PDB file of N, CA and C in Angstrom:
ATOM      1  N   VAL A   1      60.683  50.053  25.735  1.00  0.00           N
ATOM      2  CA  VAL A   1      60.743  48.795  24.929  1.00  0.00           C
ATOM      3  C   VAL A   1      59.350  48.518  24.364  1.00  0.00           C
ATOM      4  N   ILE A   2      59.338  48.113  23.122  1.00  0.00           N
ATOM      5  CA  ILE A   2      58.096  47.758  22.397  1.00  0.00           C
ATOM      6  C   ILE A   2      58.147  46.266  22.098  1.00  0.00           C
ATOM      7  N   TYR A   3      57.104  45.551  22.442  1.00  0.00           N
ATOM      8  CA  TYR A   3      56.996  44.137  22.200  1.00  0.00           C
ATOM      9  C   TYR A   3      56.026  43.807  21.145  1.00  0.00           C
ATOM     10  N   GLU A   4      56.368  42.792  20.337  1.00  0.00           N
ATOM     11  CA  GLU A   4      55.398  42.256  19.333  1.00  0.00           C
ATOM     12  C   GLU A   4      55.638  40.825  19.078  1.00  0.00           C
ATOM     13  N   ILE A   5      54.568  40.124  18.629  1.00  0.00           N
ATOM     14  CA  ILE A   5      54.732  38.727  18.258  1.00  0.00           C
ATOM     15  C   ILE A   5      55.251  38.707  16.798  1.00  0.00           C
ATOM     16  N   ASP A   6      56.388  38.141  16.621  1.00  0.00           N
ATOM     17  CA  ASP A   6      57.005  38.128  15.292  1.00  0.00           C
ATOM     18  C   ASP A   6      56.415  37.027  14.488  1.00  0.00           C
ATOM     19  N   SER A   7      56.237  35.844  15.029  1.00  0.00           N
ATOM     20  CA  SER A   7      55.585  34.705  14.345  1.00  0.00           C
ATOM     21  C   SER A   7      55.057  33.680  15.334  1.00  0.00           C
ATOM     22  N   ILE A   8      54.130  32.928  14.897  1.00  0.00           N
ATOM     23  CA  ILE A   8      53.561  31.874  15.701  1.00  0.00           C
ATOM     24  C   ILE A   8      53.483  30.583  14.899  1.00  0.00           C
ATOM     25  N   ILE A   9      53.925  29.436  15.493  1.00  0.00           N
ATOM     26  CA  ILE A   9      53.848  28.169  14.888  1.00  0.00           C
ATOM     27  C   ILE A   9      52.872  27.320  15.720  1.00  0.00           C
ATOM     28  N   PRO A  10      51.785  26.804  15.173  1.00  0.00           N
ATOM     29  CA  PRO A  10      51.395  26.843  13.726  1.00  0.00           C
ATOM     30  C   PRO A  10      50.778  28.207  13.376  1.00  0.00           C
ATOM     31  N   PRO A  11      50.873  28.618  12.130  1.00  0.00           N
ATOM     32  CA  PRO A  11      50.348  29.929  11.698  1.00  0.00           C
ATOM     33  C   PRO A  11      48.886  30.092  11.890  1.00  0.00           C
ATOM     34  N   SER A  12      48.161  28.993  11.984  1.00  0.00           N
ATOM     35  CA  SER A  12      46.709  29.057  12.171  1.00  0.00           C
ATOM     36  C   SER A  12      46.363  29.662  13.567  1.00  0.00           C
ATOM     37  N   ALA A  13      47.290  29.829  14.470  1.00  0.00           N
ATOM     38  CA  ALA A  13      47.067  30.223  15.751  1.00  0.00           C
ATOM     39  C   ALA A  13      47.291  31.775  15.975  1.00  0.00           C
ATOM     40  N   THR A  14      47.386  32.547  14.920  1.00  0.00           N
ATOM     41  CA  THR A  14      47.699  33.940  14.993  1.00  0.00           C
ATOM     42  C   THR A  14      46.606  34.738  15.753  1.00  0.00           C
ATOM     43  N   ASP A  15      45.360  34.186  15.712  1.00  0.00           N
ATOM     44  CA  ASP A  15      44.243  34.867  16.352  1.00  0.00           C
ATOM     45  C   ASP A  15      44.068  34.409  17.808  1.00  0.00           C
ATOM     46  N   ILE A  16      44.815  33.484  18.255  1.00  0.00           N
ATOM     47  CA  ILE A  16      44.641  32.998  19.606  1.00  0.00           C
ATOM     48  C   ILE A  16      45.420  33.768  20.662  1.00  0.00           C
ATOM     49  N   PHE A  17      46.609  34.339  20.304  1.00  0.00           N
ATOM     50  CA  PHE A  17      47.528  34.976  21.235  1.00  0.00           C
ATOM     51  C   PHE A  17      47.581  36.463  20.864  1.00  0.00           C
ATOM     52  N   SER A  18      47.744  37.286  21.917  1.00  0.00           N
ATOM     53  CA  SER A  18      48.005  38.729  21.707  1.00  0.00           C
ATOM     54  C   SER A  18      49.076  39.108  22.716  1.00  0.00           C
ATOM     55  N   ILE A  19      49.797  40.237  22.479  1.00  0.00           N
ATOM     56  CA  ILE A  19      50.782  40.702  23.355  1.00  0.00           C
ATOM     57  C   ILE A  19      50.610  42.208  23.617  1.00  0.00           C
ATOM     58  N   ASP A  20      50.829  42.589  24.846  1.00  0.00           N
ATOM     59  CA  ASP A  20      50.700  44.000  25.195  1.00  0.00           C
ATOM     60  C   ASP A  20      52.013  44.677  24.745  1.00  0.00           C
ATOM     61  N   ALA A  21      51.980  45.653  23.895  1.00  0.00           N
ATOM     62  CA  ALA A  21      53.224  46.293  23.325  1.00  0.00           C
ATOM     63  C   ALA A  21      54.073  46.963  24.357  1.00  0.00           C
ATOM     64  N   LYS A  22      53.442  47.407  25.489  1.00  0.00           N
ATOM     65  CA  LYS A  22      54.230  48.127  26.465  1.00  0.00           C
ATOM     66  C   LYS A  22      54.800  47.224  27.565  1.00  0.00           C
ATOM     67  N   THR A  23      54.054  46.180  27.999  1.00  0.00           N
ATOM     68  CA  THR A  23      54.455  45.374  29.094  1.00  0.00           C
ATOM     69  C   THR A  23      55.028  43.987  28.628  1.00  0.00           C
ATOM     70  N   GLY A  24      54.664  43.555  27.469  1.00  0.00           N
ATOM     71  CA  GLY A  24      55.130  42.268  26.962  1.00  0.00           C
ATOM     72  C   GLY A  24      54.234  41.073  27.468  1.00  0.00           C
ATOM     73  N   GLU A  25      53.170  41.434  28.214  1.00  0.00           N
ATOM     74  CA  GLU A  25      52.278  40.385  28.692  1.00  0.00           C
ATOM     75  C   GLU A  25      51.520  39.696  27.511  1.00  0.00           C
ATOM     76  N   ILE A  26      51.688  38.359  27.527  1.00  0.00           N
ATOM     77  CA  ILE A  26      50.981  37.573  26.472  1.00  0.00           C
ATOM     78  C   ILE A  26      49.668  37.041  26.999  1.00  0.00           C
ATOM     79  N   ARG A  27      48.625  37.191  26.252  1.00  0.00           N
ATOM     80  CA  ARG A  27      47.291  36.765  26.643  1.00  0.00           C
ATOM     81  C   ARG A  27      46.662  35.867  25.599  1.00  0.00           C
ATOM     82  N   LEU A  28      45.736  35.103  26.042  1.00  0.00           N
ATOM     83  CA  LEU A  28      44.884  34.287  25.123  1.00  0.00           C
ATOM     84  C   LEU A  28      43.692  35.084  24.681  1.00  0.00           C
ATOM     85  N   THR A  29      43.423  35.087  23.376  1.00  0.00           N
ATOM     86  CA  THR A  29      42.240  35.739  22.851  1.00  0.00           C
ATOM     87  C   THR A  29      41.231  34.756  22.313  1.00  0.00           C
ATOM     88  N   GLY A  30      41.667  33.433  22.403  1.00  0.00           N
ATOM     89  CA  GLY A  30      40.794  32.347  21.996  1.00  0.00           C
ATOM     90  C   GLY A  30      41.007  31.151  22.868  1.00  0.00           C
ATOM     91  N   THR A  31      40.438  30.007  22.489  1.00  0.00           N
ATOM     92  CA  THR A  31      40.577  28.837  23.331  1.00  0.00           C
ATOM     93  C   THR A  31      41.624  27.890  22.756  1.00  0.00           C
ATOM     94  N   LEU A  32      42.262  27.183  23.645  1.00  0.00           N
ATOM     95  CA  LEU A  32      43.226  26.164  23.201  1.00  0.00           C
ATOM     96  C   LEU A  32      42.539  24.748  23.337  1.00  0.00           C
ATOM     97  N   ASP A  33      42.779  23.873  22.393  1.00  0.00           N
ATOM     98  CA  ASP A  33      42.215  22.569  22.321  1.00  0.00           C
ATOM     99  C   ASP A  33      43.333  21.532  22.203  1.00  0.00           C
ATOM    100  N   PHE A  34      43.511  20.755  23.235  1.00  0.00           N
ATOM    101  CA  PHE A  34      44.603  19.740  23.232  1.00  0.00           C
ATOM    102  C   PHE A  34      44.474  18.799  22.067  1.00  0.00           C
ATOM    103  N   GLU A  35      43.306  18.484  21.650  1.00  0.00           N
ATOM    104  CA  GLU A  35      43.157  17.510  20.553  1.00  0.00           C
ATOM    105  C   GLU A  35      43.451  18.127  19.196  1.00  0.00           C
ATOM    106  N   THR A  36      43.458  19.466  19.104  1.00  0.00           N
ATOM    107  CA  THR A  36      43.837  20.096  17.845  1.00  0.00           C
ATOM    108  C   THR A  36      45.315  20.363  17.752  1.00  0.00           C
ATOM    109  N   VAL A  37      45.824  21.129  18.714  1.00  0.00           N
ATOM    110  CA  VAL A  37      47.261  21.480  18.690  1.00  0.00           C
ATOM    111  C   VAL A  37      47.751  21.318  20.197  1.00  0.00           C
ATOM    112  N   THR A  38      48.844  20.643  20.351  1.00  0.00           N
ATOM    113  CA  THR A  38      49.439  20.456  21.696  1.00  0.00           C
ATOM    114  C   THR A  38      50.557  21.324  22.023  1.00  0.00           C
ATOM    115  N   LEU A  39      51.177  22.050  21.033  1.00  0.00           N
ATOM    116  CA  LEU A  39      52.397  22.794  21.238  1.00  0.00           C
ATOM    117  C   LEU A  39      52.345  24.062  20.325  1.00  0.00           C
ATOM    118  N   TYR A  40      52.618  25.232  20.918  1.00  0.00           N
ATOM    119  CA  TYR A  40      52.704  26.476  20.164  1.00  0.00           C
ATOM    120  C   TYR A  40      54.047  27.092  20.411  1.00  0.00           C
ATOM    121  N   ASP A  41      54.701  27.622  19.324  1.00  0.00           N
ATOM    122  CA  ASP A  41      55.932  28.357  19.414  1.00  0.00           C
ATOM    123  C   ASP A  41      55.664  29.750  19.101  1.00  0.00           C
ATOM    124  N   LEU A  42      55.880  30.681  19.989  1.00  0.00           N
ATOM    125  CA  LEU A  42      55.705  32.118  19.792  1.00  0.00           C
ATOM    126  C   LEU A  42      57.084  32.766  19.734  1.00  0.00           C
ATOM    127  N   HIS A  43      57.353  33.403  18.667  1.00  0.00           N
ATOM    128  CA  HIS A  43      58.599  34.140  18.544  1.00  0.00           C
ATOM    129  C   HIS A  43      58.319  35.600  18.820  1.00  0.00           C
ATOM    130  N   ILE A  44      58.976  36.129  19.871  1.00  0.00           N
ATOM    131  CA  ILE A  44      58.653  37.521  20.374  1.00  0.00           C
ATOM    132  C   ILE A  44      59.815  38.372  19.983  1.00  0.00           C
ATOM    133  N   LYS A  45      59.516  39.581  19.526  1.00  0.00           N
ATOM    134  CA  LYS A  45      60.491  40.612  19.277  1.00  0.00           C
ATOM    135  C   LYS A  45      60.325  41.808  20.159  1.00  0.00           C
ATOM    136  N   ALA A  46      61.415  42.245  20.786  1.00  0.00           N
ATOM    137  CA  ALA A  46      61.385  43.450  21.643  1.00  0.00           C
ATOM    138  C   ALA A  46      62.351  44.450  21.052  1.00  0.00           C
ATOM    139  N   LYS A  47      61.950  45.711  20.976  1.00  0.00           N
ATOM    140  CA  LYS A  47      62.715  46.706  20.279  1.00  0.00           C
ATOM    141  C   LYS A  47      62.749  47.959  21.211  1.00  0.00           C
ATOM    142  N   ASP A  48      63.937  48.591  21.354  1.00  0.00           N
ATOM    143  CA  ASP A  48      63.972  49.787  22.170  1.00  0.00           C
ATOM    144  C   ASP A  48      63.712  50.980  21.298  1.00  0.00           C
ATOM    145  N   LYS A  49      63.637  52.178  21.903  1.00  0.00           N
ATOM    146  CA  LYS A  49      63.236  53.359  21.200  1.00  0.00           C
ATOM    147  C   LYS A  49      64.522  54.213  20.859  1.00  0.00           C
ATOM    148  N   GLY A  50      65.702  53.602  20.808  1.00  0.00           N
ATOM    149  CA  GLY A  50      66.901  54.323  20.476  1.00  0.00           C
ATOM    150  C   GLY A  50      67.037  54.617  19.003  1.00  0.00           C
ATOM    151  N   THR A  51      68.108  55.276  18.686  1.00  0.00           N
ATOM    152  CA  THR A  51      68.419  55.564  17.259  1.00  0.00           C
ATOM    153  C   THR A  51      69.808  55.016  16.975  1.00  0.00           C
ATOM    154  N   PRO A  52      69.874  53.931  16.227  1.00  0.00           N
ATOM    155  CA  PRO A  52      68.807  53.127  15.628  1.00  0.00           C
ATOM    156  C   PRO A  52      68.224  52.203  16.723  1.00  0.00           C
ATOM    157  N   PRO A  53      66.948  51.791  16.542  1.00  0.00           N
ATOM    158  CA  PRO A  53      66.359  50.866  17.524  1.00  0.00           C
ATOM    159  C   PRO A  53      67.056  49.523  17.472  1.00  0.00           C
ATOM    160  N   LEU A  54      67.364  48.973  18.699  1.00  0.00           N
ATOM    161  CA  LEU A  54      68.017  47.701  18.833  1.00  0.00           C
ATOM    162  C   LEU A  54      66.988  46.630  19.146  1.00  0.00           C
ATOM    163  N   PRO A  55      66.924  45.568  18.362  1.00  0.00           N
ATOM    164  CA  PRO A  55      65.902  44.494  18.672  1.00  0.00           C
ATOM    165  C   PRO A  55      66.514  43.376  19.479  1.00  0.00           C
ATOM    166  N   GLY A  56      65.629  42.678  20.176  1.00  0.00           N
ATOM    167  CA  GLY A  56      65.965  41.446  20.858  1.00  0.00           C
ATOM    168  C   GLY A  56      64.892  40.453  20.553  1.00  0.00           C
ATOM    169  N   HIS A  57      65.250  39.199  20.638  1.00  0.00           N
ATOM    170  CA  HIS A  57      64.324  38.124  20.259  1.00  0.00           C
ATOM    171  C   HIS A  57      64.269  37.019  21.323  1.00  0.00           C
ATOM    172  N   CYS A  58      63.129  36.396  21.514  1.00  0.00           N
ATOM    173  CA  CYS A  58      63.029  35.222  22.369  1.00  0.00           C
ATOM    174  C   CYS A  58      61.936  34.342  21.858  1.00  0.00           C
ATOM    175  N   LYS A  59      61.911  33.127  22.383  1.00  0.00           N
ATOM    176  CA  LYS A  59      60.927  32.140  21.926  1.00  0.00           C
ATOM    177  C   LYS A  59      60.131  31.728  23.216  1.00  0.00           C
ATOM    178  N   VAL A  60      58.819  31.715  23.098  1.00  0.00           N
ATOM    179  CA  VAL A  60      57.962  31.264  24.188  1.00  0.00           C
ATOM    180  C   VAL A  60      57.231  29.999  23.721  1.00  0.00           C
ATOM    181  N   VAL A  61      57.375  28.907  24.477  1.00  0.00           N
ATOM    182  CA  VAL A  61      56.762  27.641  24.096  1.00  0.00           C
ATOM    183  C   VAL A  61      55.528  27.429  25.026  1.00  0.00           C
ATOM    184  N   VAL A  62      54.432  27.219  24.422  1.00  0.00           N
ATOM    185  CA  VAL A  62      53.225  26.907  25.194  1.00  0.00           C
ATOM    186  C   VAL A  62      52.801  25.513  24.947  1.00  0.00           C
ATOM    187  N   GLU A  63      52.786  24.639  26.012  1.00  0.00           N
ATOM    188  CA  GLU A  63      52.411  23.251  25.827  1.00  0.00           C
ATOM    189  C   GLU A  63      51.022  23.093  26.466  1.00  0.00           C
ATOM    190  N   VAL A  64      50.101  22.525  25.667  1.00  0.00           N
ATOM    191  CA  VAL A  64      48.738  22.338  26.148  1.00  0.00           C
ATOM    192  C   VAL A  64      48.671  20.918  26.726  1.00  0.00           C
ATOM    193  N   LEU A  65      48.216  20.743  27.955  1.00  0.00           N
ATOM    194  CA  LEU A  65      48.112  19.501  28.630  1.00  0.00           C
ATOM    195  C   LEU A  65      46.614  19.017  28.584  1.00  0.00           C
ATOM    196  N   ASP A  66      46.441  17.759  28.364  1.00  0.00           N
ATOM    197  CA  ASP A  66      45.052  17.203  28.450  1.00  0.00           C
ATOM    198  C   ASP A  66      44.760  16.833  29.958  1.00  0.00           C
ATOM    199  N   VAL A  67      43.864  17.485  30.517  1.00  0.00           N
ATOM    200  CA  VAL A  67      43.556  17.249  31.976  1.00  0.00           C
ATOM    201  C   VAL A  67      42.287  16.451  32.184  1.00  0.00           C
ATOM    202  N   ASN A  68      41.765  15.818  31.188  1.00  0.00           N
ATOM    203  CA  ASN A  68      40.551  15.066  31.305  1.00  0.00           C
ATOM    204  C   ASN A  68      40.778  13.787  32.056  1.00  0.00           C
TER     205      ASN A  68
END
């Protein structure tokens, strides 16, 4: 299975998240700021290596909490 981020809402956050194509592990590549954005929607696509490849989709919601 190959994983990829299909889209991120808000689009300005495309540089903040990355995904490992083999494991599907989502990581932060930047910082999150509660005062800027409190909720991110990541649309993830997983595709097998069959012929034809069959895709699957899911949504990951990241809520940023203010802990001050």
